[in-house]
Amino acid sequence: MSTAGAATIEIVRAREAHLRSIVELAEDRRLDVTDPQRAGRDGFLVSNYTLSDYRARLTTAEHFWVAVKGTEVLGYLLAYSDTQIEPDEWLNHRIKSTLGAFLVIKQICVSRKAARSGVASRLYHHVLEQWQTSPVIAAVVSEPYNKASTLFHRKLGFEELTRLTPPDGKQRMVWVWRKPREAMLQAQYGVAIDLYKHEDNTNWNKLNNFFYITAGLAAALGFTLGNGGRPANSVEGISRSLAIIICVIGLGSSLAFSQMLRYGRRYLSARKRAAMELEEYMAWHGGQRIVGREAETDGNAWLKQSPTGLIMMLLPALVALCWSAMTVVLVVG
């Protein structure tokens, strides 16, 4: 037995006395899109286990734990190794053929009254701390998409392994957890930060080049409209045509750089998310958040998407409007 965070909540091995409560929890969280009375409810369990199925797993499953508060069952987790999978478990046999040995978290369920209270995390950590011999997998129904489950597994260090559709027609998103290697995590975090800095520098270089090109085109436009000091009536038509060409080049350049900075901002955001996800995982193991510090605090959503990147993208678009206006003036005038 081990205490799971709060003193009044414990993680204990599932016993016969818990089975009725486990069946009730499973029924309440069962995914059934065909039943109108259950439509719209947050069900997600697809393994229609009966009381006898759970009773059989009491002795065969390496991990069958319940979170209890006194005599009340708040949640449970059922997990077993690849040696214990049943012949009809198509998805697990498919994974075994490619991944080899693993522990599958077959079911994780928390009562509605204990939802978002950390019970699921405690159950997961209780298993992950004990299981070190092979990867741990969890298959989650991905249609409809379960955003909460995705965030939950990523926070615990799981990575998406693949997506498979068993014979029941419900696609599964398969998550995998492997024992963390500190040296590898540190190396990957260094790479993530370097890529983030590289993308940021690249975007600033793009903006600098844009300003150089714009300044050069503006100078050429001014020189052309001034006729280079020559009599205006002798070159007026040529100067106007050349000025229009310069404006069109300026417009095209502005639009091109706006798109380059737009996608550069997307790449930068992706690099930042990767660094923050690594930090989040490392924080669970004693590390500190640096890039993602205070990003989850109310009012700090801008830390995830820097406004600077948006301004960088909008500057060329604004200059494009100026070139468009100048082109209209030259054509109409």
C-alpha atoms as a PDB file:
ATOM      1  CA  MET A   1       0.000   0.000   0.000  1.00  0.00           C
ATOM      2  CA  SER A   2       1.222   3.534  -0.723  1.00  0.00           C
ATOM      3  CA  THR A   3      -0.228   6.894   0.141  1.00  0.00           C
ATOM      4  CA  ALA A   4      -1.215   8.805  -2.972  1.00  0.00           C
ATOM      5  CA  GLY A   5      -0.666  12.471  -2.217  1.00  0.00           C
ATOM      6  CA  ALA A   6      -3.509  13.448   0.163  1.00  0.00           C
ATOM      7  CA  ALA A   7      -3.555  11.516   3.430  1.00  0.00           C
ATOM      8  CA  THR A   8      -7.189  10.483   3.023  1.00  0.00           C
ATOM      9  CA  ILE A   9      -6.710   8.975  -0.442  1.00  0.00           C
ATOM     10  CA  GLU A  10      -4.831   5.707  -0.801  1.00  0.00           C
ATOM     11  CA  ILE A  11      -3.783   3.501  -3.696  1.00  0.00           C
ATOM     12  CA  VAL A  12      -4.394  -0.137  -2.806  1.00  0.00           C
ATOM     13  CA  ARG A  13      -4.503  -3.431  -4.642  1.00  0.00           C
ATOM     14  CA  ALA A  14      -7.968  -4.193  -6.017  1.00  0.00           C
ATOM     15  CA  ARG A  15      -9.847  -6.846  -4.049  1.00  0.00           C
ATOM     16  CA  GLU A  16     -13.160  -8.654  -4.279  1.00  0.00           C
ATOM     17  CA  ALA A  17     -14.793  -6.007  -2.095  1.00  0.00           C
ATOM     18  CA  HIS A  18     -13.984  -3.307  -4.677  1.00  0.00           C
ATOM     19  CA  LEU A  19     -15.396  -5.071  -7.726  1.00  0.00           C
ATOM     20  CA  ARG A  20     -18.995  -3.832  -7.478  1.00  0.00           C
ATOM     21  CA  SER A  21     -17.809  -0.224  -7.311  1.00  0.00           C
ATOM     22  CA  ILE A  22     -15.399  -0.807 -10.200  1.00  0.00           C
ATOM     23  CA  VAL A  23     -18.186  -2.185 -12.389  1.00  0.00           C
ATOM     24  CA  GLU A  24     -20.390   0.818 -11.558  1.00  0.00           C
ATOM     25  CA  LEU A  25     -17.590   3.255 -12.437  1.00  0.00           C
ATOM     26  CA  ALA A  26     -16.895   1.438 -15.703  1.00  0.00           C
ATOM     27  CA  GLU A  27     -20.566   1.464 -16.683  1.00  0.00           C
ATOM     28  CA  ASP A  28     -20.837   5.188 -15.970  1.00  0.00           C
ATOM     29  CA  ARG A  29     -17.791   5.930 -18.146  1.00  0.00           C
ATOM     30  CA  ARG A  30     -18.618   3.516 -20.964  1.00  0.00           C
ATOM     31  CA  LEU A  31     -18.535   4.953 -24.494  1.00  0.00           C
ATOM     32  CA  ASP A  32     -21.883   4.248 -26.128  1.00  0.00           C
ATOM     33  CA  VAL A  33     -22.807   6.594 -28.967  1.00  0.00           C
ATOM     34  CA  THR A  34     -25.825   4.438 -29.900  1.00  0.00           C
ATOM     35  CA  ASP A  35     -27.720   5.090 -26.670  1.00  0.00           C
ATOM     36  CA  PRO A  36     -29.614   8.444 -26.836  1.00  0.00           C
ATOM     37  CA  GLN A  37     -29.657   8.687 -23.045  1.00  0.00           C
ATOM     38  CA  ARG A  38     -25.866   8.613 -22.972  1.00  0.00           C
ATOM     39  CA  ALA A  39     -25.329  10.903 -25.955  1.00  0.00           C
ATOM     40  CA  GLY A  40     -23.043  13.818 -25.160  1.00  0.00           C
ATOM     41  CA  ARG A  41     -21.739  12.312 -21.929  1.00  0.00           C
ATOM     42  CA  ASP A  42     -18.012  11.995 -21.493  1.00  0.00           C
ATOM     43  CA  GLY A  43     -17.742   8.239 -21.872  1.00  0.00           C
ATOM     44  CA  PHE A  44     -14.509   6.700 -23.124  1.00  0.00           C
ATOM     45  CA  LEU A  45     -14.287   3.039 -22.047  1.00  0.00           C
ATOM     46  CA  VAL A  46     -14.827   0.574 -24.895  1.00  0.00           C
ATOM     47  CA  SER A  47     -13.880  -2.720 -23.216  1.00  0.00           C
ATOM     48  CA  ASN A  48     -17.206  -4.026 -21.981  1.00  0.00           C
ATOM     49  CA  TYR A  49     -15.811  -5.893 -19.004  1.00  0.00           C
ATOM     50  CA  THR A  50     -18.236  -7.748 -16.764  1.00  0.00           C
ATOM     51  CA  LEU A  51     -17.926  -8.495 -13.083  1.00  0.00           C
ATOM     52  CA  SER A  52     -16.415 -11.884 -13.886  1.00  0.00           C
ATOM     53  CA  ASP A  53     -13.841 -10.287 -16.208  1.00  0.00           C
ATOM     54  CA  TYR A  54     -12.630  -7.959 -13.453  1.00  0.00           C
ATOM     55  CA  ARG A  55     -12.646 -10.812 -10.959  1.00  0.00           C
ATOM     56  CA  ALA A  56     -10.392 -12.866 -13.243  1.00  0.00           C
ATOM     57  CA  ARG A  57      -7.939  -9.967 -13.508  1.00  0.00           C
ATOM     58  CA  LEU A  58      -7.555  -9.778  -9.731  1.00  0.00           C
ATOM     59  CA  THR A  59      -5.048 -12.614  -9.939  1.00  0.00           C
ATOM     60  CA  THR A  60      -3.696 -12.394 -13.499  1.00  0.00           C
ATOM     61  CA  ALA A  61      -3.026  -8.653 -13.910  1.00  0.00           C
ATOM     62  CA  GLU A  62       0.329  -7.406 -12.668  1.00  0.00           C
ATOM     63  CA  HIS A  63      -1.291  -4.074 -11.811  1.00  0.00           C
ATOM     64  CA  PHE A  64      -4.871  -3.699 -10.651  1.00  0.00           C
ATOM     65  CA  TRP A  65      -5.143  -0.733  -8.311  1.00  0.00           C
ATOM     66  CA  VAL A  66      -7.943   1.326  -6.825  1.00  0.00           C
ATOM     67  CA  ALA A  67      -7.866   4.821  -5.361  1.00  0.00           C
ATOM     68  CA  VAL A  68      -9.938   4.772  -2.219  1.00  0.00           C
ATOM     69  CA  LYS A  69     -11.071   7.341   0.290  1.00  0.00           C
ATOM     70  CA  GLY A  70     -12.176   5.383   3.277  1.00  0.00           C
ATOM     71  CA  THR A  71     -14.419   2.717   1.794  1.00  0.00           C
ATOM     72  CA  GLU A  72     -15.323   4.743  -1.314  1.00  0.00           C
ATOM     73  CA  VAL A  73     -13.666   3.819  -4.624  1.00  0.00           C
ATOM     74  CA  LEU A  74     -12.720   7.021  -6.474  1.00  0.00           C
ATOM     75  CA  GLY A  75     -11.021   5.331  -9.420  1.00  0.00           C
ATOM     76  CA  TYR A  76      -9.129   2.317 -10.626  1.00  0.00           C
ATOM     77  CA  LEU A  77      -6.371   1.302 -13.041  1.00  0.00           C
ATOM     78  CA  LEU A  78      -6.022  -2.078 -14.710  1.00  0.00           C
ATOM     79  CA  ALA A  79      -2.761  -2.946 -16.456  1.00  0.00           C
ATOM     80  CA  TYR A  80      -1.057  -6.174 -17.459  1.00  0.00           C
ATOM     81  CA  SER A  81       1.923  -7.324 -19.487  1.00  0.00           C
ATOM     82  CA  ASP A  82       1.939  -8.683 -23.021  1.00  0.00           C
ATOM     83  CA  THR A  83       2.094 -12.219 -21.614  1.00  0.00           C
ATOM     84  CA  GLN A  84      -1.397 -11.760 -20.163  1.00  0.00           C
ATOM     85  CA  ILE A  85      -3.247 -10.431 -23.218  1.00  0.00           C
ATOM     86  CA  GLU A  86      -6.248 -12.401 -24.439  1.00  0.00           C
ATOM     87  CA  PRO A  87      -6.439 -14.010 -27.932  1.00  0.00           C
ATOM     88  CA  ASP A  88      -9.187 -11.573 -29.013  1.00  0.00           C
ATOM     89  CA  GLU A  89      -7.179  -8.433 -28.164  1.00  0.00           C
ATOM     90  CA  TRP A  90      -6.405  -7.524 -31.773  1.00  0.00           C
ATOM     91  CA  LEU A  91      -4.740  -4.195 -31.069  1.00  0.00           C
ATOM     92  CA  ASN A  92      -2.428  -5.513 -28.340  1.00  0.00           C
ATOM     93  CA  HIS A  93      -1.313  -8.434 -30.508  1.00  0.00           C
ATOM     94  CA  ARG A  94      -0.634  -5.992 -33.350  1.00  0.00           C
ATOM     95  CA  ILE A  95       1.522  -3.849 -31.066  1.00  0.00           C
ATOM     96  CA  LYS A  96       3.313  -6.899 -29.683  1.00  0.00           C
ATOM     97  CA  SER A  97       4.339  -7.948 -33.193  1.00  0.00           C
ATOM     98  CA  THR A  98       6.262  -4.694 -33.653  1.00  0.00           C
ATOM     99  CA  LEU A  99       7.082  -3.402 -30.167  1.00  0.00           C
ATOM    100  CA  GLY A 100       7.817  -6.656 -28.383  1.00  0.00           C
ATOM    101  CA  ALA A 101       7.343  -6.803 -24.612  1.00  0.00           C
ATOM    102  CA  PHE A 102       5.213  -4.117 -22.977  1.00  0.00           C
ATOM    103  CA  LEU A 103       2.759  -3.312 -20.197  1.00  0.00           C
ATOM    104  CA  VAL A 104      -0.658  -2.201 -21.422  1.00  0.00           C
ATOM    105  CA  ILE A 105      -2.802   0.112 -19.332  1.00  0.00           C
ATOM    106  CA  LYS A 106      -6.067  -1.513 -20.277  1.00  0.00           C
ATOM    107  CA  GLN A 107      -8.391   0.744 -18.306  1.00  0.00           C
ATOM    108  CA  ILE A 108      -8.105   3.897 -16.226  1.00  0.00           C
ATOM    109  CA  CYS A 109     -11.291   5.299 -14.769  1.00  0.00           C
ATOM    110  CA  VAL A 110     -12.094   7.978 -12.183  1.00  0.00           C
ATOM    111  CA  SER A 111     -15.504   8.802 -10.740  1.00  0.00           C
ATOM    112  CA  ARG A 112     -17.152  12.016 -11.880  1.00  0.00           C
ATOM    113  CA  LYS A 113     -17.023  13.532  -8.389  1.00  0.00           C
ATOM    114  CA  ALA A 114     -13.230  12.959  -8.255  1.00  0.00           C
ATOM    115  CA  ALA A 115     -12.519  14.142 -11.807  1.00  0.00           C
ATOM    116  CA  ARG A 116      -9.656  16.639 -12.242  1.00  0.00           C
ATOM    117  CA  SER A 117      -8.485  16.074  -8.678  1.00  0.00           C
ATOM    118  CA  GLY A 118      -5.249  14.256  -9.562  1.00  0.00           C
ATOM    119  CA  VAL A 119      -6.510  10.732  -8.900  1.00  0.00           C
ATOM    120  CA  ALA A 120      -5.718   9.526 -12.430  1.00  0.00           C
ATOM    121  CA  SER A 121      -2.188  10.961 -12.232  1.00  0.00           C
ATOM    122  CA  ARG A 122      -1.593   9.214  -8.922  1.00  0.00           C
ATOM    123  CA  LEU A 123      -2.739   5.894 -10.319  1.00  0.00           C
ATOM    124  CA  TYR A 124      -0.484   6.293 -13.360  1.00  0.00           C
ATOM    125  CA  HIS A 125       2.538   7.315 -11.307  1.00  0.00           C
ATOM    126  CA  HIS A 126       1.973   4.404  -8.953  1.00  0.00           C
ATOM    127  CA  VAL A 127       2.362   2.034 -11.895  1.00  0.00           C
ATOM    128  CA  LEU A 128       5.157   3.862 -13.722  1.00  0.00           C
ATOM    129  CA  GLU A 129       7.293   4.027 -10.591  1.00  0.00           C
ATOM    130  CA  GLN A 130       7.115   0.243 -10.225  1.00  0.00           C
ATOM    131  CA  TRP A 131       7.293  -0.895 -13.835  1.00  0.00           C
ATOM    132  CA  GLN A 132      10.787  -0.544 -15.289  1.00  0.00           C
ATOM    133  CA  THR A 133      11.245  -3.645 -17.433  1.00  0.00           C
ATOM    134  CA  SER A 134       9.537  -2.657 -20.703  1.00  0.00           C
ATOM    135  CA  PRO A 135       7.575   0.175 -22.383  1.00  0.00           C
ATOM    136  CA  VAL A 136       4.117   1.074 -21.105  1.00  0.00           C
ATOM    137  CA  ILE A 137       1.359   1.650 -23.650  1.00  0.00           C
ATOM    138  CA  ALA A 138      -2.142   3.083 -23.442  1.00  0.00           C
ATOM    139  CA  ALA A 139      -4.679   2.958 -26.279  1.00  0.00           C
ATOM    140  CA  VAL A 140      -7.270   5.733 -26.261  1.00  0.00           C
ATOM    141  CA  VAL A 141     -10.260   6.026 -28.589  1.00  0.00           C
ATOM    142  CA  SER A 142      -9.429   8.952 -30.888  1.00  0.00           C
ATOM    143  CA  GLU A 143     -12.854   9.377 -32.494  1.00  0.00           C
ATOM    144  CA  PRO A 144     -14.259  11.518 -31.025  1.00  0.00           C
ATOM    145  CA  TYR A 145     -10.975  13.257 -30.239  1.00  0.00           C
ATOM    146  CA  ASN A 146     -10.199  13.317 -26.505  1.00  0.00           C
ATOM    147  CA  LYS A 147      -8.189  16.495 -25.918  1.00  0.00           C
ATOM    148  CA  ALA A 148      -8.038  16.022 -22.148  1.00  0.00           C
ATOM    149  CA  SER A 149      -6.562  12.538 -22.560  1.00  0.00           C
ATOM    150  CA  THR A 150      -3.967  13.823 -25.035  1.00  0.00           C
ATOM    151  CA  LEU A 151      -2.801  16.581 -22.674  1.00  0.00           C
ATOM    152  CA  PHE A 152      -2.822  14.152 -19.753  1.00  0.00           C
ATOM    153  CA  HIS A 153      -0.610  11.553 -21.428  1.00  0.00           C
ATOM    154  CA  ARG A 154       1.823  14.124 -22.788  1.00  0.00           C
ATOM    155  CA  LYS A 155       2.167  15.654 -19.351  1.00  0.00           C
ATOM    156  CA  LEU A 156       3.130  12.258 -17.956  1.00  0.00           C
ATOM    157  CA  GLY A 157       5.812  11.786 -20.623  1.00  0.00           C
ATOM    158  CA  PHE A 158       3.893   9.554 -23.040  1.00  0.00           C
ATOM    159  CA  GLU A 159       4.451   9.934 -26.771  1.00  0.00           C
ATOM    160  CA  GLU A 160       2.091   9.039 -29.580  1.00  0.00           C
ATOM    161  CA  LEU A 161       3.297   5.755 -31.055  1.00  0.00           C
ATOM    162  CA  THR A 162       0.730   5.110 -33.783  1.00  0.00           C
ATOM    163  CA  ARG A 163      -2.963   5.110 -34.652  1.00  0.00           C
ATOM    164  CA  LEU A 164      -4.743   1.844 -35.354  1.00  0.00           C
ATOM    165  CA  THR A 165      -8.310   0.868 -36.147  1.00  0.00           C
ATOM    166  CA  PRO A 166      -9.313  -2.532 -34.683  1.00  0.00           C
ATOM    167  CA  PRO A 167     -12.174  -4.615 -36.092  1.00  0.00           C
ATOM    168  CA  ASP A 168     -14.675  -2.706 -33.902  1.00  0.00           C
ATOM    169  CA  GLY A 169     -14.133   0.310 -36.197  1.00  0.00           C
ATOM    170  CA  LYS A 170     -13.130   2.725 -33.410  1.00  0.00           C
ATOM    171  CA  GLN A 171      -9.720   4.226 -34.128  1.00  0.00           C
ATOM    172  CA  ARG A 172      -7.236   4.159 -31.234  1.00  0.00           C
ATOM    173  CA  MET A 173      -4.420   6.565 -30.494  1.00  0.00           C
ATOM    174  CA  VAL A 174      -1.644   4.451 -28.989  1.00  0.00           C
ATOM    175  CA  TRP A 175       0.593   6.183 -26.445  1.00  0.00           C
ATOM    176  CA  VAL A 176       3.921   4.803 -25.254  1.00  0.00           C
ATOM    177  CA  TRP A 177       6.017   5.576 -22.181  1.00  0.00           C
ATOM    178  CA  ARG A 178       9.598   4.481 -21.776  1.00  0.00           C
ATOM    179  CA  LYS A 179      11.817   4.807 -18.750  1.00  0.00           C
ATOM    180  CA  PRO A 180      13.383   8.273 -18.988  1.00  0.00           C
ATOM    181  CA  ARG A 181      17.079   8.553 -19.678  1.00  0.00           C
ATOM    182  CA  GLU A 182      18.338  11.736 -18.069  1.00  0.00           C
ATOM    183  CA  ALA A 183      21.312  12.185 -20.379  1.00  0.00           C
ATOM    184  CA  MET A 184      19.112  11.779 -23.454  1.00  0.00           C
ATOM    185  CA  LEU A 185      16.506  14.222 -22.112  1.00  0.00           C
ATOM    186  CA  GLN A 186      19.158  16.833 -21.423  1.00  0.00           C
ATOM    187  CA  ALA A 187      20.642  16.387 -24.888  1.00  0.00           C
ATOM    188  CA  GLN A 188      17.220  16.625 -26.538  1.00  0.00           C
ATOM    189  CA  TYR A 189      16.368  19.729 -24.527  1.00  0.00           C
ATOM    190  CA  GLY A 190      19.623  21.350 -25.691  1.00  0.00           C
ATOM    191  CA  VAL A 191      18.727  20.518 -29.311  1.00  0.00           C
ATOM    192  CA  ALA A 192      15.198  21.892 -28.833  1.00  0.00           C
ATOM    193  CA  ILE A 193      16.513  25.184 -27.454  1.00  0.00           C
ATOM    194  CA  ASP A 194      19.091  25.484 -30.246  1.00  0.00           C
ATOM    195  CA  LEU A 195      16.392  24.925 -32.877  1.00  0.00           C
ATOM    196  CA  TYR A 196      14.184  27.511 -31.172  1.00  0.00           C
ATOM    197  CA  LYS A 197      16.991  30.093 -31.150  1.00  0.00           C
ATOM    198  CA  HIS A 198      17.924  29.247 -34.746  1.00  0.00           C
ATOM    199  CA  GLU A 199      14.341  29.766 -35.910  1.00  0.00           C
ATOM    200  CA  ASP A 200      14.113  33.048 -34.016  1.00  0.00           C
ATOM    201  CA  ASN A 201      17.375  34.326 -35.540  1.00  0.00           C
ATOM    202  CA  THR A 202      16.225  33.222 -38.992  1.00  0.00           C
ATOM    203  CA  ASN A 203      13.019  35.238 -38.647  1.00  0.00           C
ATOM    204  CA  TRP A 204      14.924  38.351 -37.594  1.00  0.00           C
ATOM    205  CA  ASN A 205      17.310  37.904 -40.525  1.00  0.00           C
ATOM    206  CA  LYS A 206      14.323  37.645 -42.855  1.00  0.00           C
ATOM    207  CA  LEU A 207      12.943  40.907 -41.462  1.00  0.00           C
ATOM    208  CA  ASN A 208      16.321  42.653 -41.776  1.00  0.00           C
ATOM    209  CA  ASN A 209      16.672  41.540 -45.396  1.00  0.00           C
ATOM    210  CA  PHE A 210      13.155  42.751 -46.074  1.00  0.00           C
ATOM    211  CA  PHE A 211      13.986  46.200 -44.722  1.00  0.00           C
ATOM    212  CA  TYR A 212      17.157  46.365 -46.850  1.00  0.00           C
ATOM    213  CA  ILE A 213      15.242  45.409 -49.986  1.00  0.00           C
ATOM    214  CA  THR A 214      12.405  47.831 -49.204  1.00  0.00           C
ATOM    215  CA  ALA A 215      14.825  50.689 -48.536  1.00  0.00           C
ATOM    216  CA  GLY A 216      16.616  49.977 -51.820  1.00  0.00           C
ATOM    217  CA  LEU A 217      13.373  49.875 -53.788  1.00  0.00           C
ATOM    218  CA  ALA A 218      12.109  53.053 -52.097  1.00  0.00           C
ATOM    219  CA  ALA A 219      15.356  54.844 -52.995  1.00  0.00           C
ATOM    220  CA  ALA A 220      15.079  53.637 -56.592  1.00  0.00           C
ATOM    221  CA  LEU A 221      11.470  54.809 -56.714  1.00  0.00           C
ATOM    222  CA  GLY A 222      12.392  58.232 -55.390  1.00  0.00           C
ATOM    223  CA  PHE A 223      15.227  58.555 -57.897  1.00  0.00           C
ATOM    224  CA  THR A 224      12.947  57.472 -60.750  1.00  0.00           C
ATOM    225  CA  LEU A 225      10.163  59.868 -59.837  1.00  0.00           C
ATOM    226  CA  GLY A 226      12.737  62.640 -59.547  1.00  0.00           C
ATOM    227  CA  ASN A 227      13.937  61.833 -63.101  1.00  0.00           C
ATOM    228  CA  GLY A 228      17.497  61.764 -61.914  1.00  0.00           C
ATOM    229  CA  GLY A 229      17.737  65.549 -62.312  1.00  0.00           C
ATOM    230  CA  ARG A 230      16.866  65.418 -66.038  1.00  0.00           C
ATOM    231  CA  PRO A 231      14.065  67.424 -67.712  1.00  0.00           C
ATOM    232  CA  ALA A 232      10.721  65.925 -66.699  1.00  0.00           C
ATOM    233  CA  ASN A 233       9.067  66.157 -70.146  1.00  0.00           C
ATOM    234  CA  SER A 234      11.742  64.013 -71.834  1.00  0.00           C
ATOM    235  CA  VAL A 235      11.447  60.923 -69.651  1.00  0.00           C
ATOM    236  CA  GLU A 236       8.047  61.257 -68.000  1.00  0.00           C
ATOM    237  CA  GLY A 237       6.525  58.191 -69.667  1.00  0.00           C
ATOM    238  CA  ILE A 238       9.555  55.985 -69.079  1.00  0.00           C
ATOM    239  CA  SER A 239       9.888  57.139 -65.461  1.00  0.00           C
ATOM    240  CA  ARG A 240       6.231  56.418 -64.712  1.00  0.00           C
ATOM    241  CA  SER A 241       6.467  52.916 -66.215  1.00  0.00           C
ATOM    242  CA  LEU A 242       9.682  52.203 -64.338  1.00  0.00           C
ATOM    243  CA  ALA A 243       8.132  53.489 -61.102  1.00  0.00           C
ATOM    244  CA  ILE A 244       5.134  51.183 -61.550  1.00  0.00           C
ATOM    245  CA  ILE A 245       7.489  48.234 -62.108  1.00  0.00           C
ATOM    246  CA  ILE A 246       9.381  49.129 -58.908  1.00  0.00           C
ATOM    247  CA  CYS A 247       6.091  49.306 -56.969  1.00  0.00           C
ATOM    248  CA  VAL A 248       4.999  45.925 -58.301  1.00  0.00           C
ATOM    249  CA  ILE A 249       8.358  44.423 -57.295  1.00  0.00           C
ATOM    250  CA  GLY A 250       7.987  46.027 -53.855  1.00  0.00           C
ATOM    251  CA  LEU A 251       4.458  44.649 -53.500  1.00  0.00           C
ATOM    252  CA  GLY A 252       5.553  41.153 -54.500  1.00  0.00           C
ATOM    253  CA  SER A 253       8.554  41.302 -52.164  1.00  0.00           C
ATOM    254  CA  SER A 254       6.374  42.433 -49.246  1.00  0.00           C
ATOM    255  CA  LEU A 255       3.832  39.666 -49.777  1.00  0.00           C
ATOM    256  CA  ALA A 256       6.580  37.065 -50.152  1.00  0.00           C
ATOM    257  CA  PHE A 257       8.319  38.120 -46.935  1.00  0.00           C
ATOM    258  CA  SER A 258       4.988  38.267 -45.113  1.00  0.00           C
ATOM    259  CA  GLN A 259       4.360  34.614 -45.995  1.00  0.00           C
ATOM    260  CA  MET A 260       7.922  33.604 -45.121  1.00  0.00           C
ATOM    261  CA  LEU A 261       7.589  35.242 -41.713  1.00  0.00           C
ATOM    262  CA  ARG A 262       4.142  33.709 -41.265  1.00  0.00           C
ATOM    263  CA  TYR A 263       5.478  30.189 -41.686  1.00  0.00           C
ATOM    264  CA  GLY A 264       8.605  31.109 -39.761  1.00  0.00           C
ATOM    265  CA  ARG A 265       6.362  32.094 -36.854  1.00  0.00           C
ATOM    266  CA  ARG A 266       4.638  28.709 -37.080  1.00  0.00           C
ATOM    267  CA  TYR A 267       7.973  26.918 -36.984  1.00  0.00           C
ATOM    268  CA  LEU A 268       9.040  29.062 -34.043  1.00  0.00           C
ATOM    269  CA  SER A 269       5.835  28.205 -32.163  1.00  0.00           C
ATOM    270  CA  ALA A 270       6.370  24.500 -32.867  1.00  0.00           C
ATOM    271  CA  ARG A 271       9.956  24.693 -31.545  1.00  0.00           C
ATOM    272  CA  LYS A 272       8.729  26.543 -28.465  1.00  0.00           C
ATOM    273  CA  ARG A 273       6.025  23.950 -27.777  1.00  0.00           C
ATOM    274  CA  ALA A 274       8.596  21.160 -28.101  1.00  0.00           C
ATOM    275  CA  ALA A 275      10.863  22.846 -25.552  1.00  0.00           C
ATOM    276  CA  MET A 276       7.936  23.458 -23.196  1.00  0.00           C
ATOM    277  CA  GLU A 277       6.763  19.840 -23.433  1.00  0.00           C
ATOM    278  CA  LEU A 278      10.253  18.621 -22.565  1.00  0.00           C
ATOM    279  CA  GLU A 279      10.375  21.067 -19.659  1.00  0.00           C
ATOM    280  CA  GLU A 280       6.988  19.894 -18.426  1.00  0.00           C
ATOM    281  CA  TYR A 281       8.161  16.299 -18.426  1.00  0.00           C
ATOM    282  CA  MET A 282      11.469  17.176 -16.760  1.00  0.00           C
ATOM    283  CA  ALA A 283       9.626  19.237 -14.118  1.00  0.00           C
ATOM    284  CA  TRP A 284       7.882  16.057 -12.985  1.00  0.00           C
ATOM    285  CA  HIS A 285      11.339  14.614 -12.337  1.00  0.00           C
ATOM    286  CA  GLY A 286      12.893  17.506 -10.418  1.00  0.00           C
ATOM    287  CA  GLY A 287      13.669  19.949 -13.241  1.00  0.00           C
ATOM    288  CA  GLN A 288      12.564  23.562 -13.630  1.00  0.00           C
ATOM    289  CA  ARG A 289      10.408  25.274 -16.250  1.00  0.00           C
ATOM    290  CA  ILE A 290      12.313  28.001 -18.088  1.00  0.00           C
ATOM    291  CA  VAL A 291      10.733  28.597 -21.489  1.00  0.00           C
ATOM    292  CA  GLY A 292       7.294  27.668 -20.148  1.00  0.00           C
ATOM    293  CA  ARG A 293       7.556  29.427 -16.774  1.00  0.00           C
ATOM    294  CA  GLU A 294       4.224  31.036 -15.796  1.00  0.00           C
ATOM    295  CA  ALA A 295       2.780  30.231 -19.241  1.00  0.00           C
ATOM    296  CA  GLU A 296      -0.240  28.549 -17.617  1.00  0.00           C
ATOM    297  CA  THR A 297      -0.953  31.480 -15.305  1.00  0.00           C
ATOM    298  CA  ASP A 298      -4.147  33.420 -16.039  1.00  0.00           C
ATOM    299  CA  GLY A 299      -3.443  36.313 -18.382  1.00  0.00           C
ATOM    300  CA  ASN A 300      -0.127  34.873 -19.580  1.00  0.00           C
ATOM    301  CA  ALA A 301      -1.326  32.998 -22.654  1.00  0.00           C
ATOM    302  CA  TRP A 302       0.808  35.371 -24.748  1.00  0.00           C
ATOM    303  CA  LEU A 303       3.899  33.600 -23.421  1.00  0.00           C
ATOM    304  CA  LYS A 304       2.987  30.627 -25.616  1.00  0.00           C
ATOM    305  CA  GLN A 305       2.508  32.791 -28.710  1.00  0.00           C
ATOM    306  CA  SER A 306       4.809  35.821 -28.578  1.00  0.00           C
ATOM    307  CA  PRO A 307       3.149  39.014 -29.918  1.00  0.00           C
ATOM    308  CA  THR A 308       6.537  39.951 -31.415  1.00  0.00           C
ATOM    309  CA  GLY A 309       6.159  37.227 -34.024  1.00  0.00           C
ATOM    310  CA  LEU A 310       2.760  38.572 -35.037  1.00  0.00           C
ATOM    311  CA  ILE A 311       4.169  42.089 -35.438  1.00  0.00           C
ATOM    312  CA  MET A 312       7.044  40.741 -37.548  1.00  0.00           C
ATOM    313  CA  MET A 313       4.538  39.077 -39.852  1.00  0.00           C
ATOM    314  CA  LEU A 314       2.271  42.137 -40.104  1.00  0.00           C
ATOM    315  CA  LEU A 315       5.019  44.653 -40.944  1.00  0.00           C
ATOM    316  CA  PRO A 316       5.565  43.351 -44.524  1.00  0.00           C
ATOM    317  CA  ALA A 317       1.792  43.203 -44.980  1.00  0.00           C
ATOM    318  CA  LEU A 318       1.532  46.871 -44.008  1.00  0.00           C
ATOM    319  CA  VAL A 319       4.328  47.793 -46.419  1.00  0.00           C
ATOM    320  CA  ALA A 320       2.503  45.810 -49.137  1.00  0.00           C
ATOM    321  CA  LEU A 321      -0.516  48.076 -48.650  1.00  0.00           C
ATOM    322  CA  CYS A 322       1.738  51.117 -49.107  1.00  0.00           C
ATOM    323  CA  TRP A 323       3.164  49.689 -52.343  1.00  0.00           C
ATOM    324  CA  SER A 324      -0.376  48.937 -53.550  1.00  0.00           C
ATOM    325  CA  ALA A 325      -1.493  52.500 -52.833  1.00  0.00           C
ATOM    326  CA  MET A 326       1.548  53.910 -54.646  1.00  0.00           C
ATOM    327  CA  THR A 327       0.866  51.672 -57.660  1.00  0.00           C
ATOM    328  CA  VAL A 328      -2.750  52.880 -57.821  1.00  0.00           C
ATOM    329  CA  VAL A 329      -1.622  56.521 -57.637  1.00  0.00           C
ATOM    330  CA  LEU A 330       0.868  56.044 -60.462  1.00  0.00           C
ATOM    331  CA  VAL A 331      -1.579  54.169 -62.695  1.00  0.00           C
ATOM    332  CA  VAL A 332      -4.499  56.554 -62.139  1.00  0.00           C
ATOM    333  CA  GLY A 333      -2.370  59.681 -62.130  1.00  0.00           C
END
